[in-house]
Amino acid sequence: MAASLSMSNPTRLSCQIRLNQDKNTPLGQLALPQRNSPQTKQSVKAVSVVAPVAAPKAETSTHLAESWREVQGSDNWEDLLEPLHPLLRDEIIRYGEFVTACYKAFNLDPSSKRYLNCEYGKKSMMREVGMKDCGYQVTKYIYATPDISIPTQSGTCCSRWIGYVAVSSDEEVRRLGRRDIVVTFRGTVTNTEWIANFMSSLTPARLDPHNPRSEVKVESGFLSLYTSDDSSCKFSNGSCREQLLSEVSRLINEYKDEELSITVAGHSMGSSLAMLLAYDIAELGLNRNESNQEIPITVYSFGGPRVGNSSFKERCEELGVKVLRIVNVNDPITKLPGVFLNENLRVLGGRYELPWSCSCYAHVGVEVALDFFTVQNPTCVHDLETYINLLKCPKMVQVQWGGADLLHMAREFLSSQKVETWPWEHAARNMGNLVQSLRI
């Protein structure tokens, strides 16, 4: 892999954006570090970004078709992260844009019939969000609801559009080297989703009825979003989990004679659902074809929080689920839950496991660390489009969103809700503002 993807003398730039004190200098300008930070964890790789190098499209396509397994993490992205290889960078951006499409298509207009659902039909969605040439067809919309009782507007169901399933076209298959099934999830927007984010107690996942594995625990709010069902919703049929497992199984069966991959991507809360789905598919053994060959599962997590405990992490690794976490080191969401009880406090002196280790949250996978922050707009630390823009242009990133700040849109939505005064709603909103502003 190193030989097939090698480049001569690539320019290396740190993924760092620092606050500029000079008002004449545009916000978001990159600052080169004096030295590289020392490596502290084996599973975490703080990477450098390779400056974009033009390559013929045919050559790039050939390389991806030949090396897609390595790009999808078969070797845990060995030799692709330091510096970040252009092929991997392009794939991170591509899957990030699939997630951005969820935000662009999500309807926040209370007067619309599609309020809190996707604004477009499946056949036209990619075209409407500016991705008509993405090479994928949307096959199913996904809805989720947390099992949380809160006052809501009368006449509306609790289930909300959370993402979609898509599959690569025949032409895209030739470029990718396989048929790719992609599942993407948006981040937090609605009241119930904010509350689910702060239900930070660990609970056994128990997703495999034949082997519950009670030691494998995940955050209860994320599990609620994934497994709860809202029978009153006319758009969805079953829980988020049931919808996803049914559609992924259907696509695997439809393309059973082809080489397949399953790619799951999400931002913020959506990263948590992505992790749960990837684990669920692997735990149930659904990622195997008729010849019992394993279909690789890769998760691209953008600004995602911790999802489960160390047993969840270890089980994901045993099952071969590959996770690439793209994080801003200043993003507090990536440090939640488990600000205090996390993977760093499980073992004393590198030898003795502490009594509370089973209650410690742990990140899964390999980390690509970015670094950007501005006092003028602290919410940018968690904005998905800022993540993507930095990867696209590491030399200079203007902290702007082309007219739509997704977090601002979500906050405006919360403010417009016609609900009874409810302390938890205010607490969630205030906590959301806090974690977006603090650099913890």
Protein backbone atom coordinates (compact mmCIF):
# COMPACT_ATOMS: atom_id res chain seq x y z
CA MET A 1 0.00 0.00 0.00
CA ALA A 2 2.76 2.41 0.87
CA ALA A 3 4.32 1.83 -2.52
CA SER A 4 1.12 2.23 -4.52
CA LEU A 5 0.15 5.45 -2.74
CA SER A 6 3.54 7.03 -2.17
CA MET A 7 4.30 10.61 -3.22
CA SER A 8 7.65 12.29 -3.58
CA ASN A 9 8.53 15.02 -1.06
CA PRO A 10 5.00 16.08 -0.09
CA THR A 11 4.64 19.51 1.51
CA ARG A 12 3.53 19.11 5.12
CA LEU A 13 1.27 21.61 6.84
CA SER A 14 -0.15 21.33 10.33
CA CYS A 15 -3.94 21.23 10.67
CA GLN A 16 -3.86 24.24 12.96
CA ILE A 17 -5.91 27.39 12.89
CA ARG A 18 -5.03 29.93 15.50
CA LEU A 19 -6.81 33.09 16.57
CA ASN A 20 -5.32 36.04 14.72
CA GLN A 21 -4.75 39.11 16.86
CA ASP A 22 -4.14 41.33 13.81
CA LYS A 23 -7.54 42.50 12.60
CA ASN A 24 -6.15 42.98 9.10
CA THR A 25 -5.42 39.27 8.87
CA PRO A 26 -8.40 37.10 7.90
CA LEU A 27 -9.79 34.81 10.58
CA GLY A 28 -8.86 31.18 10.32
CA GLN A 29 -5.35 31.63 8.94
CA LEU A 30 -3.10 28.66 9.46
CA ALA A 31 -0.08 28.96 11.72
CA LEU A 32 2.81 26.57 11.27
CA PRO A 33 3.95 24.92 14.50
CA GLN A 34 7.53 25.16 15.75
CA ARG A 35 7.69 21.44 16.39
CA ASN A 36 5.50 18.40 16.21
CA SER A 37 3.58 17.34 19.29
CA PRO A 38 4.83 14.09 20.84
CA GLN A 39 2.76 10.97 20.31
CA THR A 40 1.05 9.89 23.55
CA LYS A 41 -1.38 7.12 22.57
CA GLN A 42 -1.05 4.26 20.17
CA SER A 43 -4.65 4.53 18.91
CA VAL A 44 -4.50 8.31 18.43
CA LYS A 45 -2.63 9.85 15.53
CA ALA A 46 -2.46 13.65 15.36
CA VAL A 47 -1.72 14.06 11.70
CA SER A 48 -0.33 16.62 9.32
CA VAL A 49 -2.24 17.63 6.23
CA VAL A 50 -0.56 17.21 2.87
CA ALA A 51 -0.91 20.29 0.70
CA PRO A 52 -3.11 19.45 -2.28
CA VAL A 53 -1.20 18.02 -5.22
CA ALA A 54 -2.86 17.87 -8.61
CA ALA A 55 -3.13 14.39 -10.07
CA PRO A 56 -4.79 13.13 -13.22
CA LYS A 57 -8.34 11.99 -12.49
CA ALA A 58 -7.83 8.65 -14.20
CA GLU A 59 -4.71 7.97 -12.16
CA THR A 60 -6.45 8.88 -8.91
CA SER A 61 -9.42 6.68 -9.77
CA THR A 62 -7.15 3.76 -10.58
CA HIS A 63 -5.31 4.11 -7.32
CA LEU A 64 -8.54 4.18 -5.31
CA ALA A 65 -9.97 1.17 -7.12
CA GLU A 66 -6.80 -0.80 -6.40
CA SER A 67 -6.25 0.40 -2.82
CA TRP A 68 -9.74 1.02 -1.45
CA ARG A 69 -9.39 -1.53 1.36
CA GLU A 70 -6.39 0.28 2.82
CA VAL A 71 -8.10 3.65 2.36
CA GLN A 72 -11.10 2.21 4.24
CA GLY A 73 -8.84 1.22 7.13
CA SER A 74 -8.01 -2.45 6.64
CA ASP A 75 -4.53 -1.73 8.08
CA ASN A 76 -5.80 0.93 10.51
CA TRP A 77 -4.64 3.58 8.03
CA GLU A 78 -0.98 2.67 8.56
CA ASP A 79 1.32 4.95 6.53
CA LEU A 80 -1.64 7.07 5.36
CA LEU A 81 -1.91 9.48 8.28
CA GLU A 82 1.48 11.09 8.78
CA PRO A 83 1.16 12.99 6.52
CA LEU A 84 -2.47 12.59 5.56
CA HIS A 85 -2.48 10.98 2.13
CA PRO A 86 -4.42 12.83 -0.62
CA LEU A 87 -6.54 9.77 -1.45
CA LEU A 88 -7.61 9.39 2.17
CA ARG A 89 -8.12 13.13 2.50
CA ASP A 90 -10.43 13.08 -0.54
CA GLU A 91 -12.44 10.21 0.91
CA ILE A 92 -12.81 11.96 4.29
CA ILE A 93 -14.07 15.09 2.50
CA ARG A 94 -16.39 13.06 0.28
CA TYR A 95 -18.07 11.26 3.17
CA GLY A 96 -18.19 14.50 5.15
CA GLU A 97 -20.13 16.09 2.29
CA PHE A 98 -22.59 13.19 2.38
CA VAL A 99 -23.25 14.12 6.02
CA THR A 100 -23.53 17.82 5.17
CA ALA A 101 -26.29 16.86 2.74
CA CYS A 102 -28.37 15.76 5.75
CA TYR A 103 -28.26 19.26 7.19
CA LYS A 104 -28.98 20.94 3.86
CA ALA A 105 -32.02 18.73 3.25
CA PHE A 106 -33.46 18.92 6.78
CA ASN A 107 -36.63 21.03 6.88
CA LEU A 108 -36.83 23.48 9.81
CA ASP A 109 -39.80 25.47 8.52
CA PRO A 110 -42.76 25.00 10.93
CA SER A 111 -45.22 25.95 8.18
CA SER A 112 -44.02 23.19 5.86
CA LYS A 113 -45.72 19.82 5.47
CA ARG A 114 -42.26 18.31 5.65
CA TYR A 115 -41.37 20.07 8.91
CA LEU A 116 -38.56 18.18 10.72
CA ASN A 117 -38.29 15.78 7.79
CA CYS A 118 -36.31 15.75 4.58
CA GLU A 119 -37.34 18.57 2.30
CA TYR A 120 -36.87 16.54 -0.90
CA GLY A 121 -37.78 13.19 -2.34
CA LYS A 122 -35.19 10.41 -2.47
CA LYS A 123 -34.70 10.63 -6.23
CA SER A 124 -34.05 14.38 -6.21
CA MET A 125 -32.30 14.91 -2.88
CA MET A 126 -28.71 14.72 -4.09
CA ARG A 127 -29.44 17.08 -6.96
CA GLU A 128 -31.25 19.56 -4.71
CA VAL A 129 -28.36 19.78 -2.25
CA GLY A 130 -25.82 20.31 -5.03
CA MET A 131 -24.46 16.74 -5.22
CA LYS A 132 -26.03 15.45 -8.42
CA ASP A 133 -22.68 14.04 -9.59
CA CYS A 134 -21.86 12.22 -6.35
CA GLY A 135 -22.39 8.82 -7.96
CA TYR A 136 -24.83 7.49 -5.35
CA GLN A 137 -28.58 6.87 -5.29
CA VAL A 138 -30.54 7.35 -2.07
CA THR A 139 -32.48 4.16 -1.32
CA LYS A 140 -34.08 4.92 2.05
CA TYR A 141 -34.68 7.73 4.52
CA ILE A 142 -34.09 6.99 8.19
CA TYR A 143 -36.09 8.31 11.15
CA ALA A 144 -35.27 8.18 14.86
CA THR A 145 -36.94 9.08 18.12
CA PRO A 146 -35.67 9.03 21.71
CA ASP A 147 -37.76 7.36 24.39
CA ILE A 148 -38.12 10.66 26.26
CA SER A 149 -41.40 12.23 27.35
CA ILE A 150 -41.34 15.99 26.90
CA PRO A 151 -44.00 18.53 25.93
CA THR A 152 -44.15 18.92 22.13
CA GLN A 153 -46.36 20.64 19.66
CA SER A 154 -49.70 18.95 19.27
CA GLY A 155 -50.21 17.01 16.08
CA THR A 156 -46.56 16.15 15.55
CA CYS A 157 -44.86 12.83 16.07
CA CYS A 158 -41.62 12.47 17.97
CA SER A 159 -39.84 10.69 15.14
CA ARG A 160 -37.53 12.92 13.09
CA TRP A 161 -35.61 12.46 9.86
CA ILE A 162 -32.07 11.62 10.92
CA GLY A 163 -30.31 10.52 7.73
CA TYR A 164 -30.37 8.26 4.72
CA VAL A 165 -28.99 5.13 3.08
CA ALA A 166 -27.46 5.32 -0.40
CA VAL A 167 -25.64 2.97 -2.73
CA SER A 168 -23.02 3.71 -5.39
CA SER A 169 -23.97 3.64 -9.07
CA ASP A 170 -22.42 1.29 -11.63
CA GLU A 171 -20.16 4.06 -12.89
CA GLU A 172 -19.04 4.92 -9.36
CA VAL A 173 -18.36 1.24 -8.70
CA ARG A 174 -15.72 1.30 -11.41
CA ARG A 175 -14.05 4.30 -9.79
CA LEU A 176 -14.25 2.96 -6.22
CA GLY A 177 -13.35 -0.64 -7.00
CA ARG A 178 -16.42 -1.97 -5.16
CA ARG A 179 -20.13 -1.36 -4.54
CA ASP A 180 -20.35 1.00 -1.56
CA ILE A 181 -23.34 1.12 0.78
CA VAL A 182 -23.25 4.40 2.67
CA VAL A 183 -25.32 5.42 5.70
CA THR A 184 -25.12 9.00 6.97
CA PHE A 185 -26.53 10.75 10.04
CA ARG A 186 -26.94 14.44 10.87
CA GLY A 187 -26.20 15.90 14.30
CA THR A 188 -28.39 17.28 17.07
CA VAL A 189 -31.20 19.70 16.26
CA THR A 190 -34.43 18.96 18.16
CA ASN A 191 -35.24 19.22 21.87
CA THR A 192 -35.43 15.49 22.47
CA GLU A 193 -32.11 14.96 20.71
CA TRP A 194 -30.41 17.52 22.96
CA ILE A 195 -31.78 15.75 26.04
CA ALA A 196 -30.68 12.37 24.68
CA ASN A 197 -27.17 13.79 24.34
CA PHE A 198 -27.02 14.52 28.05
CA MET A 199 -28.35 11.17 29.28
CA SER A 200 -24.79 10.25 30.10
CA SER A 201 -25.38 7.03 32.02
CA LEU A 202 -23.96 3.80 30.64
CA THR A 203 -26.34 0.94 29.93
CA PRO A 204 -25.78 -2.53 28.43
CA ALA A 205 -26.26 -2.46 24.66
CA ARG A 206 -27.71 -6.00 24.46
CA LEU A 207 -28.13 -5.81 20.68
CA ASP A 208 -27.44 -9.51 20.06
CA PRO A 209 -30.33 -11.55 21.55
CA HIS A 210 -28.25 -14.73 21.46
CA ASN A 211 -25.32 -13.22 23.35
CA PRO A 212 -26.33 -10.03 25.22
CA ARG A 213 -22.76 -9.27 26.42
CA SER A 214 -23.86 -7.27 29.46
CA GLU A 215 -20.31 -5.91 29.91
CA VAL A 216 -20.60 -3.99 26.62
CA LYS A 217 -22.19 -0.68 27.60
CA VAL A 218 -23.15 2.45 25.68
CA GLU A 219 -24.56 5.87 26.52
CA SER A 220 -28.27 5.46 27.28
CA GLY A 221 -29.46 8.49 25.29
CA PHE A 222 -27.75 7.37 22.10
CA LEU A 223 -29.11 3.84 22.54
CA SER A 224 -32.60 5.29 23.04
CA LEU A 225 -32.39 7.21 19.76
CA TYR A 226 -31.20 4.08 18.00
CA THR A 227 -33.74 1.57 19.35
CA SER A 228 -36.93 3.49 20.24
CA ASP A 229 -39.99 3.31 17.99
CA ASP A 230 -42.69 5.91 17.33
CA SER A 231 -45.67 4.09 15.84
CA SER A 232 -47.54 7.38 15.32
CA CYS A 233 -45.10 8.62 12.70
CA LYS A 234 -46.41 8.19 9.14
CA PHE A 235 -42.93 8.37 7.61
CA SER A 236 -41.11 5.65 9.54
CA ASN A 237 -41.78 1.97 10.03
CA GLY A 238 -40.11 0.69 13.17
CA SER A 239 -37.17 2.01 15.14
CA CYS A 240 -34.10 3.62 13.63
CA ARG A 241 -32.32 0.31 14.20
CA GLU A 242 -34.99 -1.77 12.50
CA GLN A 243 -35.12 0.53 9.48
CA LEU A 244 -31.35 0.44 9.07
CA LEU A 245 -30.77 -3.28 9.55
CA SER A 246 -33.59 -4.07 7.15
CA GLU A 247 -32.29 -1.76 4.40
CA VAL A 248 -28.63 -2.69 4.76
CA SER A 249 -29.53 -6.40 4.69
CA ARG A 250 -31.67 -5.83 1.59
CA LEU A 251 -28.83 -4.08 -0.25
CA ILE A 252 -26.29 -6.73 0.75
CA ASN A 253 -28.60 -9.38 -0.66
CA GLU A 254 -29.30 -7.38 -3.83
CA TYR A 255 -25.59 -7.03 -4.59
CA LYS A 256 -24.49 -10.33 -3.10
CA ASP A 257 -22.44 -11.28 -6.16
CA GLU A 258 -20.35 -8.08 -6.03
CA GLU A 259 -17.52 -6.85 -3.86
CA LEU A 260 -19.10 -4.64 -1.20
CA SER A 261 -18.19 -2.17 1.51
CA ILE A 262 -20.33 -0.60 4.22
CA THR A 263 -19.44 2.98 5.12
CA VAL A 264 -21.19 4.81 7.95
CA ALA A 265 -20.64 8.53 8.52
CA GLY A 266 -22.04 11.03 10.99
CA HIS A 267 -21.46 14.34 12.70
CA SER A 268 -21.82 14.98 16.44
CA MET A 269 -24.75 12.88 17.69
CA GLY A 270 -24.88 11.29 14.24
CA SER A 271 -21.41 9.88 14.85
CA SER A 272 -22.80 8.02 17.85
CA LEU A 273 -25.57 6.47 15.77
CA ALA A 274 -22.98 5.58 13.14
CA MET A 275 -20.92 3.76 15.77
CA LEU A 276 -23.94 1.88 17.13
CA LEU A 277 -25.01 0.80 13.65
CA ALA A 278 -21.54 -0.39 12.66
CA TYR A 279 -21.20 -2.36 15.90
CA ASP A 280 -24.71 -3.79 15.53
CA ILE A 281 -24.15 -5.01 11.96
CA ALA A 282 -20.86 -6.64 12.91
CA GLU A 283 -22.16 -8.15 16.16
CA LEU A 284 -25.10 -9.76 14.36
CA GLY A 285 -22.84 -10.96 11.55
CA LEU A 286 -24.90 -9.23 8.88
CA ASN A 287 -21.73 -8.10 7.08
CA ARG A 288 -21.13 -11.52 5.56
CA ASN A 289 -22.11 -12.66 2.11
CA GLU A 290 -23.30 -16.09 1.02
CA SER A 291 -19.69 -17.29 0.84
CA ASN A 292 -19.24 -16.18 4.48
CA GLN A 293 -16.76 -13.53 3.38
CA GLU A 294 -16.67 -10.49 5.62
CA ILE A 295 -17.82 -7.17 4.17
CA PRO A 296 -15.62 -4.39 5.61
CA ILE A 297 -17.34 -1.77 7.78
CA THR A 298 -15.80 1.70 8.15
CA VAL A 299 -17.03 4.61 10.27
CA TYR A 300 -16.12 8.23 9.48
CA SER A 301 -16.86 10.18 12.65
CA PHE A 302 -16.85 14.00 12.48
CA GLY A 303 -16.76 15.75 15.84
CA GLY A 304 -18.21 12.71 17.55
CA PRO A 305 -18.53 12.11 21.31
CA ARG A 306 -17.60 8.95 23.16
CA VAL A 307 -20.27 6.27 22.74
CA GLY A 308 -19.50 3.42 25.11
CA ASN A 309 -17.17 1.94 27.69
CA SER A 310 -13.86 0.17 27.19
CA SER A 311 -15.64 -3.16 26.61
CA PHE A 312 -17.56 -1.57 23.75
CA LYS A 313 -14.29 -0.31 22.30
CA GLU A 314 -12.61 -3.71 22.63
CA ARG A 315 -15.57 -5.52 21.11
CA CYS A 316 -15.64 -3.18 18.10
CA GLU A 317 -11.95 -3.89 17.55
CA GLU A 318 -12.53 -7.66 17.85
CA LEU A 319 -15.28 -7.48 15.25
CA GLY A 320 -13.04 -5.57 12.84
CA VAL A 321 -15.07 -2.34 12.78
CA LYS A 322 -12.75 0.40 11.50
CA VAL A 323 -13.28 3.89 12.86
CA LEU A 324 -11.61 7.10 11.71
CA ARG A 325 -12.42 10.00 14.04
CA ILE A 326 -11.92 13.47 12.59
CA VAL A 327 -11.85 15.88 15.54
CA ASN A 328 -11.04 19.47 16.36
CA VAL A 329 -8.88 19.46 19.49
CA ASN A 330 -10.84 22.51 20.70
CA ASP A 331 -14.24 20.86 20.21
CA PRO A 332 -15.73 20.03 23.65
CA ILE A 333 -18.27 17.59 22.15
CA THR A 334 -15.42 15.18 21.37
CA LYS A 335 -14.54 15.13 25.08
CA LEU A 336 -18.05 14.14 26.14
CA PRO A 337 -19.36 12.10 27.83
CA GLY A 338 -16.70 11.02 30.28
CA VAL A 339 -14.89 14.32 30.85
CA PHE A 340 -13.45 12.77 34.01
CA LEU A 341 -14.18 9.03 33.75
CA ASN A 342 -12.58 8.07 30.46
CA GLU A 343 -9.93 5.83 28.92
CA ASN A 344 -7.17 7.87 30.61
CA LEU A 345 -8.32 6.92 34.11
CA ARG A 346 -8.82 3.19 33.71
CA VAL A 347 -5.35 1.96 34.60
CA LEU A 348 -2.96 3.09 37.31
CA GLY A 349 0.70 3.19 36.38
CA GLY A 350 -0.01 1.33 33.18
CA ARG A 351 -0.52 -1.91 35.14
CA TYR A 352 -3.36 -1.83 37.66
CA GLU A 353 -6.95 -1.61 36.47
CA LEU A 354 -8.99 0.67 38.71
CA PRO A 355 -12.32 -0.45 40.24
CA TRP A 356 -14.37 2.02 38.18
CA SER A 357 -12.80 1.06 34.85
CA CYS A 358 -16.03 -0.57 33.61
CA SER A 359 -17.78 2.78 34.06
CA CYS A 360 -15.22 4.72 32.03
CA TYR A 361 -16.07 5.93 28.55
CA ALA A 362 -13.58 5.22 25.77
CA HIS A 363 -13.14 6.50 22.22
CA VAL A 364 -12.96 3.90 19.46
CA GLY A 365 -10.60 3.97 16.50
CA VAL A 366 -7.92 6.21 15.05
CA GLU A 367 -7.96 9.99 15.42
CA VAL A 368 -7.19 12.67 12.85
CA ALA A 369 -6.71 15.83 14.92
CA LEU A 370 -7.45 19.31 13.57
CA ASP A 371 -6.97 22.55 15.52
CA PHE A 372 -9.12 25.63 14.94
CA PHE A 373 -10.82 28.20 17.18
CA THR A 374 -11.97 31.80 17.02
CA VAL A 375 -13.26 33.93 19.87
CA GLN A 376 -15.47 35.87 17.45
CA ASN A 377 -17.48 32.73 16.72
CA PRO A 378 -16.70 29.94 19.19
CA THR A 379 -19.44 27.71 17.78
CA CYS A 380 -17.27 27.11 14.71
CA VAL A 381 -15.26 24.59 16.75
CA HIS A 382 -18.04 22.05 16.17
CA ASP A 383 -19.23 23.09 12.72
CA LEU A 384 -18.98 20.33 10.13
CA GLU A 385 -18.40 22.62 7.16
CA THR A 386 -15.43 24.19 8.96
CA TYR A 387 -13.99 20.70 9.41
CA ILE A 388 -14.41 20.00 5.70
CA ASN A 389 -13.12 23.39 4.56
CA LEU A 390 -9.93 22.94 6.55
CA LEU A 391 -9.29 19.57 4.94
CA LYS A 392 -9.98 21.01 1.49
CA CYS A 393 -7.68 24.01 1.93
CA PRO A 394 -5.21 23.64 4.82
CA LYS A 395 -3.32 26.84 3.99
CA MET A 396 -6.24 29.16 4.63
CA VAL A 397 -9.74 28.67 5.97
CA GLN A 398 -12.25 31.46 6.20
CA VAL A 399 -14.60 30.58 9.05
CA GLN A 400 -17.85 30.98 7.15
CA TRP A 401 -20.64 28.75 5.97
CA GLY A 402 -21.92 30.24 2.73
CA GLY A 403 -24.88 31.83 4.49
CA ALA A 404 -25.93 28.94 6.74
CA ASP A 405 -24.42 28.29 10.15
CA LEU A 406 -25.84 24.88 10.97
CA LEU A 407 -25.51 25.26 14.73
CA HIS A 408 -27.12 28.69 14.53
CA MET A 409 -29.99 27.16 12.58
CA ALA A 410 -30.45 24.52 15.26
CA ARG A 411 -30.42 27.11 18.03
CA GLU A 412 -32.96 29.24 16.15
CA PHE A 413 -35.15 26.16 15.83
CA LEU A 414 -35.03 25.53 19.57
CA SER A 415 -35.94 29.14 20.28
CA SER A 416 -38.97 28.93 18.00
CA GLN A 417 -40.50 25.87 19.66
CA LYS A 418 -44.00 26.44 21.07
CA VAL A 419 -43.76 24.35 24.20
CA GLU A 420 -44.61 24.77 27.80
CA THR A 421 -41.96 26.18 30.10
CA TRP A 422 -39.87 23.18 30.98
CA PRO A 423 -36.68 23.41 33.04
CA TRP A 424 -34.94 20.58 31.21
CA GLU A 425 -35.42 22.31 27.88
CA HIS A 426 -33.70 25.43 29.15
CA ALA A 427 -31.01 23.34 30.81
CA ALA A 428 -30.28 21.52 27.57
CA ARG A 429 -30.15 24.73 25.57
CA ASN A 430 -27.86 26.42 28.07
CA MET A 431 -25.63 23.37 28.27
CA GLY A 432 -25.47 23.26 24.49
CA ASN A 433 -24.35 26.87 24.36
CA LEU A 434 -21.83 26.23 27.12
CA VAL A 435 -20.12 23.19 25.61
CA GLN A 436 -19.88 24.94 22.26
CA SER A 437 -18.16 27.92 23.84
CA LEU A 438 -15.80 26.32 26.34
CA ARG A 439 -12.42 24.94 25.36
CA ILE A 440 -12.34 22.02 27.82
